[in-house]
Amino acid sequence: MEAKGNLPEAAVYLDKLAEELTNRGLEAWVMAPPGRIPSVYITNPGARALEENVYVDRCSDGLWWFWWSWAERVSIADDLDAAATAIIRVLSVPRALAAS
């Protein structure tokens, strides 16, 4: 993944993802430090150690994709439900641990 200068369009996708995740109970906000690729920083308020940065970029297929920090695709950016579901799954406390 590399920055391609599509910041306005990328910002729209990141804002929408942060809003969707917030509506689903996670804490999420867009971070855009100078000289860095913007991302959505996400944390599970019930287990703050569960956190992640998710990025967005237009790929060679011409489509926008959300990316994990380890450079693996999360989902196509136009499918916010799939992206949010995948992120929630990764940042959730396993049921066995949550029950104890």
Protein backbone atom coordinates (compact mmCIF):
# COMPACT_ATOMS: atom_id res chain seq x y z
CA MET A 1 0.00 0.00 0.00
CA GLU A 2 1.32 3.42 -0.87
CA ALA A 3 -0.02 6.95 -0.63
CA LYS A 4 -1.21 8.02 -4.05
CA GLY A 5 -2.42 11.53 -3.37
CA ASN A 6 -6.12 10.55 -3.21
CA LEU A 7 -6.51 12.13 0.20
CA PRO A 8 -9.96 13.76 -0.22
CA GLU A 9 -11.57 10.53 -1.41
CA ALA A 10 -9.65 8.48 1.14
CA ALA A 11 -10.80 10.82 3.92
CA VAL A 12 -14.44 10.20 2.98
CA TYR A 13 -13.98 6.42 3.28
CA LEU A 14 -12.10 6.75 6.57
CA ASP A 15 -14.74 9.08 8.04
CA LYS A 16 -17.55 6.70 7.05
CA LEU A 17 -15.72 3.73 8.57
CA ALA A 18 -15.05 5.58 11.83
CA GLU A 19 -18.73 6.54 12.06
CA GLU A 20 -19.90 2.97 11.35
CA LEU A 21 -17.57 1.51 13.97
CA THR A 22 -18.60 4.11 16.55
CA ASN A 23 -22.26 3.29 15.89
CA ARG A 24 -21.42 -0.36 16.59
CA GLY A 25 -19.84 0.35 19.97
CA LEU A 26 -16.14 0.69 19.23
CA GLU A 27 -14.15 3.88 19.67
CA ALA A 28 -12.83 5.06 16.32
CA TRP A 29 -11.44 8.26 14.92
CA VAL A 30 -9.47 9.39 11.90
CA MET A 31 -5.80 10.13 12.49
CA ALA A 32 -3.83 12.11 9.91
CA PRO A 33 -0.41 12.99 11.33
CA PRO A 34 1.79 15.14 9.08
CA GLY A 35 3.90 13.02 6.75
CA ARG A 36 1.96 9.82 7.53
CA ILE A 37 -0.77 7.94 5.72
CA PRO A 38 -4.17 8.75 7.31
CA SER A 39 -5.91 5.90 9.12
CA VAL A 40 -8.79 5.08 11.42
CA TYR A 41 -7.56 4.28 14.91
CA ILE A 42 -9.94 1.80 16.54
CA THR A 43 -10.10 0.47 20.07
CA ASN A 44 -12.47 -1.79 21.96
CA PRO A 45 -13.67 0.24 24.98
CA GLY A 46 -14.17 -2.99 26.95
CA ALA A 47 -10.60 -4.17 26.33
CA ARG A 48 -8.35 -1.24 25.47
CA ALA A 49 -5.44 -3.50 24.56
CA LEU A 50 -7.49 -4.53 21.52
CA GLU A 51 -6.66 -1.74 19.09
CA GLU A 52 -5.83 -1.37 15.42
CA ASN A 53 -5.15 1.15 12.68
CA VAL A 54 -7.02 0.60 9.42
CA TYR A 55 -5.99 2.31 6.20
CA VAL A 56 -7.70 2.82 2.84
CA ASP A 57 -6.16 2.91 -0.62
CA ARG A 58 -7.16 2.55 -4.24
CA CYS A 59 -5.61 -0.63 -5.62
CA SER A 60 -4.49 -1.65 -9.07
CA ASP A 61 -8.00 -3.03 -9.69
CA GLY A 62 -9.27 0.57 -9.43
CA LEU A 63 -11.30 -0.17 -6.32
CA TRP A 64 -10.84 1.26 -2.85
CA TRP A 65 -9.98 -1.27 -0.13
CA PHE A 66 -9.56 -1.04 3.63
CA TRP A 67 -6.27 -2.50 4.88
CA TRP A 68 -5.06 -3.83 8.21
CA SER A 69 -1.82 -2.39 9.59
CA TRP A 70 -0.07 -5.64 8.58
CA ALA A 71 -0.92 -4.91 4.89
CA GLU A 72 -3.71 -7.45 4.46
CA ARG A 73 -7.05 -6.43 2.95
CA VAL A 74 -9.99 -6.03 5.33
CA SER A 75 -12.70 -5.56 2.69
CA ILE A 76 -13.69 -3.43 -0.25
CA ALA A 77 -14.26 0.10 1.05
CA ASP A 78 -17.73 0.42 -0.46
CA ASP A 79 -18.95 -2.41 1.81
CA LEU A 80 -18.90 -0.75 5.22
CA ASP A 81 -20.90 -3.59 6.77
CA ALA A 82 -18.28 -6.18 5.77
CA ALA A 83 -15.43 -3.95 6.93
CA ALA A 84 -17.03 -3.18 10.29
CA THR A 85 -17.97 -6.83 10.85
CA ALA A 86 -14.39 -7.98 10.16
CA ILE A 87 -12.89 -5.31 12.40
CA ILE A 88 -15.30 -6.08 15.24
CA ARG A 89 -14.47 -9.78 14.96
CA VAL A 90 -10.74 -9.07 15.30
CA LEU A 91 -11.14 -6.58 18.16
CA SER A 92 -13.64 -8.63 20.18
CA VAL A 93 -12.86 -10.43 23.41
CA PRO A 94 -13.29 -14.19 22.90
CA ARG A 95 -16.58 -15.35 24.48
CA ALA A 96 -14.84 -17.75 26.87
CA LEU A 97 -12.74 -14.90 28.26
CA ALA A 98 -15.64 -12.45 28.38
CA ALA A 99 -17.70 -14.90 30.47
CA SER A 100 -15.01 -15.40 33.10
